[in-house]
Amino acid sequence: MEPTTTPMSGRRAQAARNDRRILEAAREVFTNDPQAPIAAVADRAGVGIAALYRRYRSKDELLQHLAGEGLQRYLAEAEAALADDGDPWAAFARFMHRSLDAGAGSLTVRLAGTFTATPELQRQARTAFAATRRLLERTKAAGALRPDLEVGDVSLLLEQLQAVQLGDPRRSGQLRHRYLTLLLEAMRLPAAGPLPGPPPSVEELRRRYDG
């Protein structure tokens, strides 16, 4: 017999819907203007400021939740790619496209250094880093990925792609995938030549969150 789930009460269901609206609104508001007040999120979400503060006690806490949610989505894509036992290059390319669709890097572009990186966020980031490194190593071992590409390169490339904004969201997404496809061609072996300079270090990437 399949397990059954108990439906949420009306009040709990409404709270869940409010939370989703708050998070979606916060992502839009703070990506457009990192200095926007938290009241702007409540206005965009169509909820009262009191309802927002019952869920998130401060802007810092809201941004921490958004960052954690983004890391979880990214990690899920990395783990899905690692579980894919098909062609390593195809698995890596799909991972990059799915990560782009999931918004990987979209918050970092605008929000790095504007909120406190908690120990839990740092732990999630280390887990995501390790999963990405395993994926890169597997793809390199298959002879499909240039050997000088590192995790920090992937992080910054996704951030740069998320910064593409032209026209409506559909057109922006189309262009991001267009440029990702071009970048993937540069990542794939045989590569034209070595890359100049070392990849960004973990310390360089982490330092942006020091504020």
N, C-alpha and C. Protein backbone atom coordinates (compact mmCIF):
# COMPACT_ATOMS: atom_id res chain seq x y z
N MET A 1 0.85 -1.19 0.00
CA MET A 1 0.00 0.00 0.00
C MET A 1 0.89 1.24 0.00
N GLU A 2 0.56 2.18 -0.88
CA GLU A 2 1.36 3.40 -0.94
C GLU A 2 1.05 4.28 0.26
N PRO A 3 2.10 4.94 0.78
CA PRO A 3 1.87 5.82 1.93
C PRO A 3 1.00 7.00 1.52
N THR A 4 0.20 7.44 2.44
CA THR A 4 -0.65 8.60 2.17
C THR A 4 -0.10 9.79 2.92
N THR A 5 -0.37 10.95 2.39
CA THR A 5 0.08 12.17 3.06
C THR A 5 -1.15 12.92 3.54
N THR A 6 -1.00 13.50 4.70
CA THR A 6 -2.10 14.27 5.27
C THR A 6 -2.09 15.66 4.66
N PRO A 7 -3.20 16.09 4.05
CA PRO A 7 -3.22 17.42 3.45
C PRO A 7 -3.07 18.49 4.51
N MET A 8 -2.41 19.58 4.13
CA MET A 8 -2.22 20.68 5.06
C MET A 8 -3.56 21.36 5.34
N SER A 9 -3.68 21.85 6.55
CA SER A 9 -4.87 22.62 6.89
C SER A 9 -4.89 23.90 6.06
N GLY A 10 -6.06 24.55 6.03
CA GLY A 10 -6.18 25.78 5.26
C GLY A 10 -5.18 26.83 5.69
N ARG A 11 -4.97 26.95 7.00
CA ARG A 11 -4.03 27.96 7.50
C ARG A 11 -2.60 27.61 7.11
N ARG A 12 -2.22 26.34 7.24
CA ARG A 12 -0.87 25.94 6.87
C ARG A 12 -0.64 26.07 5.38
N ALA A 13 -1.64 25.72 4.58
CA ALA A 13 -1.51 25.84 3.13
C ALA A 13 -1.34 27.30 2.72
N GLN A 14 -2.08 28.18 3.37
CA GLN A 14 -1.95 29.61 3.07
C GLN A 14 -0.58 30.11 3.46
N ALA A 15 -0.06 29.65 4.60
CA ALA A 15 1.27 30.05 5.04
C ALA A 15 2.33 29.59 4.04
N ALA A 16 2.16 28.37 3.52
CA ALA A 16 3.12 27.85 2.54
C ALA A 16 3.08 28.66 1.25
N ARG A 17 1.86 29.04 0.83
CA ARG A 17 1.74 29.86 -0.38
C ARG A 17 2.37 31.24 -0.17
N ASN A 18 2.14 31.81 1.01
CA ASN A 18 2.74 33.11 1.32
C ASN A 18 4.26 33.02 1.30
N ASP A 19 4.80 31.95 1.86
CA ASP A 19 6.24 31.79 1.92
C ASP A 19 6.83 31.71 0.52
N ARG A 20 6.15 30.95 -0.37
CA ARG A 20 6.64 30.83 -1.74
C ARG A 20 6.60 32.18 -2.44
N ARG A 21 5.52 32.94 -2.22
CA ARG A 21 5.43 34.27 -2.84
C ARG A 21 6.51 35.19 -2.31
N ILE A 22 6.78 35.10 -1.01
CA ILE A 22 7.81 35.94 -0.41
C ILE A 22 9.18 35.63 -1.02
N LEU A 23 9.50 34.36 -1.15
CA LEU A 23 10.81 33.98 -1.69
C LEU A 23 10.96 34.39 -3.15
N GLU A 24 9.92 34.18 -3.93
CA GLU A 24 9.97 34.58 -5.34
C GLU A 24 10.11 36.09 -5.46
N ALA A 25 9.36 36.81 -4.63
CA ALA A 25 9.44 38.27 -4.67
C ALA A 25 10.81 38.75 -4.22
N ALA A 26 11.37 38.13 -3.18
CA ALA A 26 12.68 38.53 -2.67
C ALA A 26 13.76 38.32 -3.72
N ARG A 27 13.67 37.21 -4.44
CA ARG A 27 14.66 36.94 -5.48
C ARG A 27 14.61 38.03 -6.56
N GLU A 28 13.41 38.43 -6.95
CA GLU A 28 13.26 39.47 -7.97
C GLU A 28 13.72 40.82 -7.45
N VAL A 29 13.25 41.18 -6.26
CA VAL A 29 13.54 42.50 -5.72
C VAL A 29 15.03 42.69 -5.47
N PHE A 30 15.67 41.72 -4.80
CA PHE A 30 17.05 41.91 -4.41
C PHE A 30 18.02 41.67 -5.56
N THR A 31 17.61 40.89 -6.56
CA THR A 31 18.46 40.76 -7.75
C THR A 31 18.49 42.08 -8.52
N ASN A 32 17.35 42.76 -8.55
CA ASN A 32 17.29 44.07 -9.23
C ASN A 32 17.95 45.16 -8.42
N ASP A 33 17.79 45.11 -7.08
CA ASP A 33 18.34 46.15 -6.22
C ASP A 33 18.72 45.55 -4.87
N PRO A 34 20.00 45.18 -4.69
CA PRO A 34 20.42 44.56 -3.43
C PRO A 34 20.16 45.43 -2.20
N GLN A 35 20.04 46.75 -2.39
CA GLN A 35 19.84 47.65 -1.25
C GLN A 35 18.36 47.91 -0.96
N ALA A 36 17.46 47.26 -1.68
CA ALA A 36 16.03 47.49 -1.48
C ALA A 36 15.63 47.11 -0.05
N PRO A 37 14.68 47.83 0.54
CA PRO A 37 14.21 47.49 1.89
C PRO A 37 13.35 46.23 1.85
N ILE A 38 13.25 45.58 2.98
CA ILE A 38 12.47 44.35 3.04
C ILE A 38 10.99 44.62 2.80
N ALA A 39 10.54 45.85 3.04
CA ALA A 39 9.15 46.20 2.78
C ALA A 39 8.82 46.07 1.30
N ALA A 40 9.81 46.29 0.43
CA ALA A 40 9.58 46.15 -1.01
C ALA A 40 9.25 44.70 -1.37
N VAL A 41 9.81 43.76 -0.61
CA VAL A 41 9.50 42.34 -0.84
C VAL A 41 8.06 42.05 -0.47
N ALA A 42 7.62 42.57 0.66
CA ALA A 42 6.23 42.37 1.08
C ALA A 42 5.27 42.95 0.05
N ASP A 43 5.59 44.14 -0.46
CA ASP A 43 4.73 44.75 -1.48
C ASP A 43 4.67 43.89 -2.73
N ARG A 44 5.83 43.41 -3.19
CA ARG A 44 5.87 42.59 -4.41
C ARG A 44 5.14 41.27 -4.21
N ALA A 45 5.25 40.71 -3.02
CA ALA A 45 4.62 39.42 -2.74
C ALA A 45 3.13 39.55 -2.48
N GLY A 46 2.68 40.78 -2.18
CA GLY A 46 1.27 40.97 -1.87
C GLY A 46 0.88 40.46 -0.50
N VAL A 47 1.84 40.54 0.45
CA VAL A 47 1.55 40.12 1.82
C VAL A 47 1.86 41.28 2.75
N GLY A 48 1.29 41.25 3.94
CA GLY A 48 1.57 42.28 4.92
C GLY A 48 2.98 42.15 5.48
N ILE A 49 3.56 43.26 5.88
CA ILE A 49 4.91 43.23 6.44
C ILE A 49 4.96 42.36 7.69
N ALA A 50 3.87 42.31 8.45
CA ALA A 50 3.85 41.47 9.65
C ALA A 50 3.94 40.00 9.29
N ALA A 51 3.28 39.60 8.20
CA ALA A 51 3.34 38.21 7.76
C ALA A 51 4.75 37.84 7.33
N LEU A 52 5.44 38.79 6.71
CA LEU A 52 6.82 38.53 6.29
C LEU A 52 7.72 38.37 7.51
N TYR A 53 7.57 39.27 8.49
CA TYR A 53 8.43 39.20 9.66
C TYR A 53 8.13 38.00 10.54
N ARG A 54 6.94 37.44 10.45
CA ARG A 54 6.67 36.21 11.19
C ARG A 54 7.51 35.06 10.64
N ARG A 55 7.83 35.12 9.37
CA ARG A 55 8.61 34.04 8.74
C ARG A 55 10.11 34.35 8.74
N TYR A 56 10.47 35.60 8.50
CA TYR A 56 11.88 36.00 8.43
C TYR A 56 12.07 37.24 9.30
N ARG A 57 12.92 37.12 10.29
CA ARG A 57 13.05 38.19 11.27
C ARG A 57 13.81 39.40 10.75
N SER A 58 14.54 39.25 9.65
CA SER A 58 15.34 40.35 9.12
C SER A 58 15.64 40.09 7.65
N LYS A 59 16.11 41.12 6.99
CA LYS A 59 16.54 40.98 5.60
C LYS A 59 17.69 39.99 5.51
N ASP A 60 18.60 40.04 6.48
CA ASP A 60 19.73 39.12 6.49
C ASP A 60 19.25 37.67 6.51
N GLU A 61 18.27 37.38 7.36
CA GLU A 61 17.77 36.02 7.46
C GLU A 61 17.08 35.59 6.16
N LEU A 62 16.37 36.50 5.54
CA LEU A 62 15.70 36.19 4.27
C LEU A 62 16.73 35.88 3.19
N LEU A 63 17.78 36.68 3.11
CA LEU A 63 18.82 36.44 2.11
C LEU A 63 19.56 35.13 2.39
N GLN A 64 19.77 34.82 3.65
CA GLN A 64 20.41 33.55 3.99
C GLN A 64 19.56 32.38 3.50
N HIS A 65 18.25 32.49 3.68
CA HIS A 65 17.35 31.42 3.24
C HIS A 65 17.39 31.29 1.72
N LEU A 66 17.38 32.41 1.01
CA LEU A 66 17.46 32.38 -0.45
C LEU A 66 18.75 31.72 -0.92
N ALA A 67 19.86 32.10 -0.28
CA ALA A 67 21.15 31.52 -0.66
C ALA A 67 21.18 30.02 -0.40
N GLY A 68 20.64 29.60 0.74
CA GLY A 68 20.60 28.18 1.05
C GLY A 68 19.75 27.40 0.06
N GLU A 69 18.62 27.98 -0.31
CA GLU A 69 17.74 27.33 -1.29
C GLU A 69 18.46 27.19 -2.64
N GLY A 70 19.18 28.23 -3.04
CA GLY A 70 19.92 28.17 -4.29
C GLY A 70 21.01 27.10 -4.27
N LEU A 71 21.72 27.00 -3.15
CA LEU A 71 22.74 25.97 -3.02
C LEU A 71 22.14 24.57 -3.08
N GLN A 72 20.98 24.39 -2.48
CA GLN A 72 20.33 23.08 -2.52
C GLN A 72 19.94 22.69 -3.94
N ARG A 73 19.42 23.65 -4.71
CA ARG A 73 19.05 23.36 -6.10
C ARG A 73 20.29 23.00 -6.91
N TYR A 74 21.36 23.76 -6.71
CA TYR A 74 22.60 23.49 -7.44
C TYR A 74 23.15 22.11 -7.09
N LEU A 75 23.16 21.79 -5.80
CA LEU A 75 23.68 20.49 -5.37
C LEU A 75 22.85 19.35 -5.94
N ALA A 76 21.54 19.54 -5.99
CA ALA A 76 20.68 18.50 -6.57
C ALA A 76 21.04 18.24 -8.02
N GLU A 77 21.37 19.29 -8.77
CA GLU A 77 21.75 19.11 -10.17
C GLU A 77 23.10 18.41 -10.28
N ALA A 78 24.04 18.76 -9.40
CA ALA A 78 25.35 18.11 -9.42
C ALA A 78 25.22 16.63 -9.08
N GLU A 79 24.42 16.31 -8.09
CA GLU A 79 24.24 14.91 -7.71
C GLU A 79 23.52 14.12 -8.79
N ALA A 80 22.56 14.76 -9.48
CA ALA A 80 21.88 14.09 -10.59
C ALA A 80 22.86 13.78 -11.71
N ALA A 81 23.79 14.69 -11.97
CA ALA A 81 24.79 14.46 -13.01
C ALA A 81 25.74 13.33 -12.61
N LEU A 82 26.13 13.30 -11.34
CA LEU A 82 27.02 12.23 -10.88
C LEU A 82 26.34 10.87 -10.93
N ALA A 83 25.01 10.85 -10.76
CA ALA A 83 24.27 9.59 -10.81
C ALA A 83 24.01 9.13 -12.24
N ASP A 84 24.24 10.01 -13.21
CA ASP A 84 24.04 9.68 -14.62
C ASP A 84 25.23 8.85 -15.10
N ASP A 85 24.98 7.58 -15.43
CA ASP A 85 26.07 6.70 -15.84
C ASP A 85 26.20 6.60 -17.35
N GLY A 86 25.62 7.58 -18.06
CA GLY A 86 25.75 7.62 -19.51
C GLY A 86 27.05 8.31 -19.92
N ASP A 87 27.05 8.91 -21.08
CA ASP A 87 28.24 9.59 -21.58
C ASP A 87 28.64 10.72 -20.64
N PRO A 88 29.89 10.73 -20.13
CA PRO A 88 30.30 11.75 -19.15
C PRO A 88 30.19 13.18 -19.67
N TRP A 89 30.55 13.39 -20.94
CA TRP A 89 30.45 14.75 -21.46
C TRP A 89 28.99 15.21 -21.54
N ALA A 90 28.12 14.34 -22.03
CA ALA A 90 26.71 14.69 -22.13
C ALA A 90 26.13 14.98 -20.75
N ALA A 91 26.53 14.19 -19.74
CA ALA A 91 26.04 14.41 -18.38
C ALA A 91 26.51 15.77 -17.86
N PHE A 92 27.76 16.12 -18.15
CA PHE A 92 28.30 17.41 -17.70
C PHE A 92 27.58 18.56 -18.41
N ALA A 93 27.39 18.44 -19.71
CA ALA A 93 26.72 19.51 -20.46
C ALA A 93 25.29 19.71 -19.97
N ARG A 94 24.59 18.60 -19.71
CA ARG A 94 23.22 18.72 -19.19
C ARG A 94 23.22 19.38 -17.82
N PHE A 95 24.20 19.03 -17.00
CA PHE A 95 24.33 19.65 -15.68
C PHE A 95 24.48 21.17 -15.80
N MET A 96 25.30 21.62 -16.72
CA MET A 96 25.50 23.06 -16.88
C MET A 96 24.21 23.75 -17.33
N HIS A 97 23.51 23.15 -18.27
CA HIS A 97 22.27 23.76 -18.75
C HIS A 97 21.20 23.76 -17.66
N ARG A 98 21.10 22.65 -16.90
CA ARG A 98 20.09 22.60 -15.83
C ARG A 98 20.43 23.58 -14.71
N SER A 99 21.71 23.70 -14.39
CA SER A 99 22.13 24.64 -13.36
C SER A 99 21.79 26.07 -13.77
N LEU A 100 21.97 26.36 -15.03
CA LEU A 100 21.63 27.69 -15.54
C LEU A 100 20.13 27.93 -15.40
N ASP A 101 19.31 26.95 -15.75
CA ASP A 101 17.86 27.09 -15.62
C ASP A 101 17.44 27.22 -14.15
N ALA A 102 18.19 26.56 -13.25
CA ALA A 102 17.87 26.61 -11.83
C ALA A 102 18.28 27.93 -11.18
N GLY A 103 18.96 28.77 -11.94
CA GLY A 103 19.35 30.08 -11.41
C GLY A 103 20.68 30.08 -10.69
N ALA A 104 21.50 29.04 -10.90
CA ALA A 104 22.80 28.99 -10.22
C ALA A 104 23.62 30.23 -10.56
N GLY A 105 24.07 30.90 -9.53
CA GLY A 105 24.88 32.10 -9.71
C GLY A 105 24.09 33.39 -9.79
N SER A 106 22.77 33.31 -9.92
CA SER A 106 21.99 34.54 -10.11
C SER A 106 22.04 35.44 -8.89
N LEU A 107 22.01 34.83 -7.70
CA LEU A 107 22.06 35.63 -6.48
C LEU A 107 23.46 36.13 -6.20
N THR A 108 24.46 35.30 -6.49
CA THR A 108 25.84 35.69 -6.19
C THR A 108 26.25 36.92 -6.98
N VAL A 109 25.76 37.02 -8.23
CA VAL A 109 26.11 38.16 -9.07
C VAL A 109 25.81 39.47 -8.36
N ARG A 110 24.69 39.53 -7.67
CA ARG A 110 24.23 40.78 -7.09
C ARG A 110 24.37 40.86 -5.57
N LEU A 111 24.39 39.71 -4.90
CA LEU A 111 24.21 39.74 -3.45
C LEU A 111 25.44 39.33 -2.64
N ALA A 112 26.50 38.91 -3.28
CA ALA A 112 27.69 38.51 -2.53
C ALA A 112 28.15 39.66 -1.64
N GLY A 113 28.34 39.37 -0.37
CA GLY A 113 28.83 40.37 0.57
C GLY A 113 27.74 41.22 1.21
N THR A 114 26.47 40.99 0.84
CA THR A 114 25.39 41.81 1.40
C THR A 114 24.66 41.13 2.54
N PHE A 115 25.03 39.89 2.87
CA PHE A 115 24.42 39.19 4.00
C PHE A 115 25.46 38.30 4.66
N THR A 116 25.13 37.82 5.85
CA THR A 116 26.06 37.03 6.63
C THR A 116 26.06 35.58 6.17
N ALA A 117 27.22 35.07 5.82
CA ALA A 117 27.34 33.66 5.44
C ALA A 117 27.44 32.82 6.71
N THR A 118 26.37 32.14 7.06
CA THR A 118 26.31 31.35 8.28
C THR A 118 27.16 30.08 8.16
N PRO A 119 27.50 29.43 9.28
CA PRO A 119 28.21 28.15 9.20
C PRO A 119 27.48 27.11 8.35
N GLU A 120 26.15 27.10 8.40
CA GLU A 120 25.39 26.14 7.59
C GLU A 120 25.53 26.45 6.11
N LEU A 121 25.49 27.71 5.74
CA LEU A 121 25.70 28.07 4.34
C LEU A 121 27.10 27.70 3.89
N GLN A 122 28.07 27.91 4.75
CA GLN A 122 29.44 27.54 4.41
C GLN A 122 29.57 26.03 4.23
N ARG A 123 28.86 25.27 5.07
CA ARG A 123 28.88 23.81 4.93
C ARG A 123 28.24 23.38 3.61
N GLN A 124 27.10 23.99 3.27
CA GLN A 124 26.44 23.67 2.01
C GLN A 124 27.34 24.01 0.83
N ALA A 125 28.03 25.14 0.91
CA ALA A 125 28.92 25.54 -0.17
C ALA A 125 30.05 24.54 -0.35
N ARG A 126 30.61 24.05 0.76
CA ARG A 126 31.69 23.05 0.67
C ARG A 126 31.18 21.76 0.03
N THR A 127 29.95 21.37 0.40
CA THR A 127 29.38 20.15 -0.18
C THR A 127 29.17 20.32 -1.68
N ALA A 128 28.65 21.47 -2.09
CA ALA A 128 28.44 21.73 -3.51
C ALA A 128 29.77 21.77 -4.26
N PHE A 129 30.78 22.37 -3.63
CA PHE A 129 32.11 22.44 -4.23
C PHE A 129 32.66 21.04 -4.47
N ALA A 130 32.55 20.19 -3.46
CA ALA A 130 33.09 18.82 -3.58
C ALA A 130 32.36 18.03 -4.65
N ALA A 131 31.04 18.19 -4.74
CA ALA A 131 30.28 17.47 -5.76
C ALA A 131 30.67 17.93 -7.16
N THR A 132 30.85 19.24 -7.32
CA THR A 132 31.25 19.77 -8.62
C THR A 132 32.64 19.27 -8.99
N ARG A 133 33.54 19.23 -8.03
CA ARG A 133 34.88 18.75 -8.31
C ARG A 133 34.87 17.29 -8.75
N ARG A 134 34.04 16.46 -8.10
CA ARG A 134 33.94 15.06 -8.52
C ARG A 134 33.42 14.95 -9.95
N LEU A 135 32.46 15.80 -10.28
CA LEU A 135 31.91 15.78 -11.64
C LEU A 135 32.96 16.19 -12.66
N LEU A 136 33.72 17.23 -12.35
CA LEU A 136 34.78 17.66 -13.25
C LEU A 136 35.84 16.58 -13.42
N GLU A 137 36.24 15.97 -12.31
CA GLU A 137 37.28 14.94 -12.37
C GLU A 137 36.82 13.75 -13.21
N ARG A 138 35.55 13.38 -13.06
CA ARG A 138 35.04 12.26 -13.85
C ARG A 138 35.04 12.60 -15.34
N THR A 139 34.64 13.82 -15.67
CA THR A 139 34.57 14.22 -17.08
C THR A 139 35.97 14.34 -17.66
N LYS A 140 36.92 14.82 -16.87
CA LYS A 140 38.31 14.89 -17.32
C LYS A 140 38.88 13.50 -17.54
N ALA A 141 38.59 12.59 -16.62
CA ALA A 141 39.11 11.22 -16.74
C ALA A 141 38.60 10.54 -17.99
N ALA A 142 37.43 10.95 -18.47
CA ALA A 142 36.89 10.39 -19.71
C ALA A 142 37.53 11.01 -20.94
N GLY A 143 38.41 11.98 -20.73
CA GLY A 143 39.08 12.62 -21.86
C GLY A 143 38.20 13.60 -22.61
N ALA A 144 37.17 14.13 -21.93
CA ALA A 144 36.21 14.99 -22.62
C ALA A 144 36.33 16.45 -22.22
N LEU A 145 36.94 16.75 -21.08
CA LEU A 145 36.97 18.10 -20.54
C LEU A 145 38.41 18.58 -20.41
N ARG A 146 38.64 19.82 -20.77
CA ARG A 146 40.00 20.35 -20.69
C ARG A 146 40.52 20.25 -19.26
N PRO A 147 41.77 19.86 -19.07
CA PRO A 147 42.27 19.57 -17.73
C PRO A 147 42.47 20.79 -16.84
N ASP A 148 42.51 22.00 -17.42
CA ASP A 148 42.76 23.18 -16.60
C ASP A 148 41.48 23.87 -16.14
N LEU A 149 40.32 23.25 -16.36
CA LEU A 149 39.07 23.81 -15.87
C LEU A 149 38.83 23.36 -14.44
N GLU A 150 38.51 24.30 -13.54
CA GLU A 150 38.31 23.98 -12.14
C GLU A 150 36.95 24.47 -11.66
N VAL A 151 36.62 24.11 -10.42
CA VAL A 151 35.30 24.43 -9.87
C VAL A 151 35.04 25.93 -9.87
N GLY A 152 36.04 26.72 -9.48
CA GLY A 152 35.86 28.17 -9.46
C GLY A 152 35.53 28.73 -10.83
N ASP A 153 36.11 28.14 -11.88
CA ASP A 153 35.78 28.58 -13.23
C ASP A 153 34.31 28.36 -13.54
N VAL A 154 33.80 27.19 -13.16
CA VAL A 154 32.38 26.88 -13.40
C VAL A 154 31.49 27.88 -12.66
N SER A 155 31.84 28.17 -11.41
CA SER A 155 31.03 29.10 -10.61
C SER A 155 30.95 30.47 -11.26
N LEU A 156 32.10 31.00 -11.67
CA LEU A 156 32.11 32.34 -12.24
C LEU A 156 31.46 32.38 -13.62
N LEU A 157 31.60 31.31 -14.40
CA LEU A 157 30.95 31.27 -15.71
C LEU A 157 29.43 31.29 -15.57
N LEU A 158 28.90 30.53 -14.61
CA LEU A 158 27.46 30.54 -14.39
C LEU A 158 26.98 31.91 -13.93
N GLU A 159 27.77 32.57 -13.08
CA GLU A 159 27.41 33.92 -12.65
C GLU A 159 27.35 34.87 -13.84
N GLN A 160 28.35 34.79 -14.72
CA GLN A 160 28.39 35.69 -15.86
C GLN A 160 27.21 35.44 -16.80
N LEU A 161 26.86 34.19 -16.98
CA LEU A 161 25.72 33.88 -17.85
C LEU A 161 24.42 34.40 -17.25
N GLN A 162 24.27 34.33 -15.93
CA GLN A 162 23.06 34.83 -15.29
C GLN A 162 22.94 36.34 -15.44
N ALA A 163 24.06 37.01 -15.67
CA ALA A 163 24.03 38.47 -15.81
C ALA A 163 23.48 38.91 -17.16
N VAL A 164 23.29 37.99 -18.10
CA VAL A 164 22.74 38.35 -19.41
C VAL A 164 21.26 38.71 -19.24
N GLN A 165 20.92 39.95 -19.50
CA GLN A 165 19.56 40.44 -19.39
C GLN A 165 19.25 41.24 -20.65
N LEU A 166 18.38 40.71 -21.50
CA LEU A 166 18.01 41.40 -22.72
C LEU A 166 16.59 41.01 -23.09
N GLY A 167 15.71 42.00 -23.13
CA GLY A 167 14.32 41.69 -23.45
C GLY A 167 13.61 41.05 -22.28
N ASP A 168 12.62 40.21 -22.57
CA ASP A 168 11.85 39.56 -21.52
C ASP A 168 12.59 38.34 -20.98
N PRO A 169 12.11 37.73 -19.89
CA PRO A 169 12.80 36.58 -19.31
C PRO A 169 13.02 35.43 -20.30
N ARG A 170 12.05 35.19 -21.18
CA ARG A 170 12.21 34.11 -22.16
C ARG A 170 13.40 34.38 -23.08
N ARG A 171 13.49 35.61 -23.58
CA ARG A 171 14.60 35.95 -24.47
C ARG A 171 15.93 35.92 -23.73
N SER A 172 15.95 36.41 -22.50
CA SER A 172 17.19 36.36 -21.72
C SER A 172 17.64 34.92 -21.52
N GLY A 173 16.70 34.02 -21.19
CA GLY A 173 17.05 32.62 -21.01
C GLY A 173 17.58 32.00 -22.28
N GLN A 174 16.97 32.34 -23.40
CA GLN A 174 17.43 31.81 -24.69
C GLN A 174 18.87 32.22 -24.96
N LEU A 175 19.19 33.49 -24.69
CA LEU A 175 20.55 33.98 -24.93
C LEU A 175 21.55 33.34 -23.96
N ARG A 176 21.13 33.15 -22.71
CA ARG A 176 22.05 32.51 -21.76
C ARG A 176 22.44 31.12 -22.24
N HIS A 177 21.48 30.35 -22.72
CA HIS A 177 21.80 29.01 -23.20
C HIS A 177 22.60 29.05 -24.51
N ARG A 178 22.38 30.07 -25.31
CA ARG A 178 23.18 30.24 -26.53
C ARG A 178 24.66 30.40 -26.16
N TYR A 179 24.92 31.29 -25.19
CA TYR A 179 26.30 31.55 -24.82
C TYR A 179 26.90 30.40 -24.01
N LEU A 180 26.07 29.70 -23.25
CA LEU A 180 26.57 28.52 -22.56
C LEU A 180 27.02 27.47 -23.57
N THR A 181 26.27 27.30 -24.64
CA THR A 181 26.66 26.33 -25.67
C THR A 181 28.00 26.71 -26.28
N LEU A 182 28.22 28.00 -26.52
CA LEU A 182 29.53 28.44 -27.01
C LEU A 182 30.63 28.14 -26.00
N LEU A 183 30.36 28.40 -24.72
CA LEU A 183 31.36 28.14 -23.69
C LEU A 183 31.67 26.66 -23.57
N LEU A 184 30.65 25.82 -23.68
CA LEU A 184 30.88 24.38 -23.60
C LEU A 184 31.81 23.90 -24.70
N GLU A 185 31.70 24.49 -25.88
CA GLU A 185 32.61 24.13 -26.96
C GLU A 185 34.05 24.47 -26.59
N ALA A 186 34.24 25.57 -25.84
CA ALA A 186 35.58 25.94 -25.41
C ALA A 186 36.10 25.05 -24.29
N MET A 187 35.19 24.44 -23.53
CA MET A 187 35.59 23.57 -22.43
C MET A 187 35.97 22.16 -22.91
N ARG A 188 35.43 21.78 -24.03
CA ARG A 188 35.56 20.39 -24.48
C ARG A 188 36.89 20.16 -25.18
N LEU A 189 37.45 18.98 -24.95
CA LEU A 189 38.67 18.60 -25.66
C LEU A 189 38.33 18.14 -27.07
N PRO A 190 39.23 18.37 -28.04
CA PRO A 190 40.54 19.00 -27.89
C PRO A 190 40.43 20.52 -27.76
N ALA A 191 41.12 21.08 -26.79
CA ALA A 191 41.08 22.52 -26.55
C ALA A 191 42.11 23.21 -27.44
N ALA A 192 41.85 24.49 -27.74
CA ALA A 192 42.74 25.23 -28.63
C ALA A 192 44.08 25.53 -27.97
N GLY A 193 44.10 25.74 -26.67
CA GLY A 193 45.35 26.08 -26.00
C GLY A 193 45.10 26.30 -24.52
N PRO A 194 46.16 26.45 -23.73
CA PRO A 194 46.00 26.62 -22.28
C PRO A 194 45.36 27.96 -21.94
N LEU A 195 44.69 28.01 -20.80
CA LEU A 195 44.07 29.23 -20.33
C LEU A 195 45.10 30.10 -19.61
N PRO A 196 45.01 31.43 -19.75
CA PRO A 196 45.96 32.30 -19.06
C PRO A 196 45.61 32.41 -17.58
N GLY A 197 46.61 32.37 -16.73
CA GLY A 197 46.40 32.57 -15.30
C GLY A 197 45.74 31.38 -14.63
N PRO A 198 45.84 31.33 -13.29
CA PRO A 198 45.22 30.22 -12.54
C PRO A 198 43.73 30.43 -12.37
N PRO A 199 42.99 29.37 -12.04
CA PRO A 199 41.56 29.52 -11.78
C PRO A 199 41.35 30.25 -10.45
N PRO A 200 40.15 30.79 -10.22
CA PRO A 200 39.88 31.45 -8.93
C PRO A 200 39.96 30.44 -7.80
N SER A 201 40.59 30.85 -6.72
CA SER A 201 40.74 29.96 -5.57
C SER A 201 39.49 29.99 -4.70
N VAL A 202 39.38 29.01 -3.83
CA VAL A 202 38.28 28.98 -2.86
C VAL A 202 38.31 30.24 -2.01
N GLU A 203 39.48 30.66 -1.60
CA GLU A 203 39.61 31.85 -0.76
C GLU A 203 39.14 33.10 -1.50
N GLU A 204 39.49 33.21 -2.78
CA GLU A 204 39.05 34.37 -3.56
C GLU A 204 37.54 34.42 -3.67
N LEU A 205 36.92 33.27 -3.89
CA LEU A 205 35.46 33.22 -4.01
C LEU A 205 34.80 33.49 -2.66
N ARG A 206 35.35 32.92 -1.59
CA ARG A 206 34.75 33.09 -0.26
C ARG A 206 34.84 34.52 0.21
N ARG A 207 35.93 35.22 -0.15
CA ARG A 207 36.18 36.56 0.36
C ARG A 207 35.08 37.54 -0.03
N ARG A 208 34.37 37.26 -1.13
CA ARG A 208 33.32 38.18 -1.56
C ARG A 208 32.17 38.23 -0.58
N TYR A 209 32.04 37.24 0.28
CA TYR A 209 30.94 37.20 1.24
C TYR A 209 31.31 37.84 2.58
N ASP A 210 32.52 38.37 2.65
CA ASP A 210 32.94 38.97 3.92
C ASP A 210 32.31 40.33 4.15
N GLY A 211 31.74 40.92 3.10
CA GLY A 211 31.06 42.21 3.24
C GLY A 211 32.01 43.38 3.23
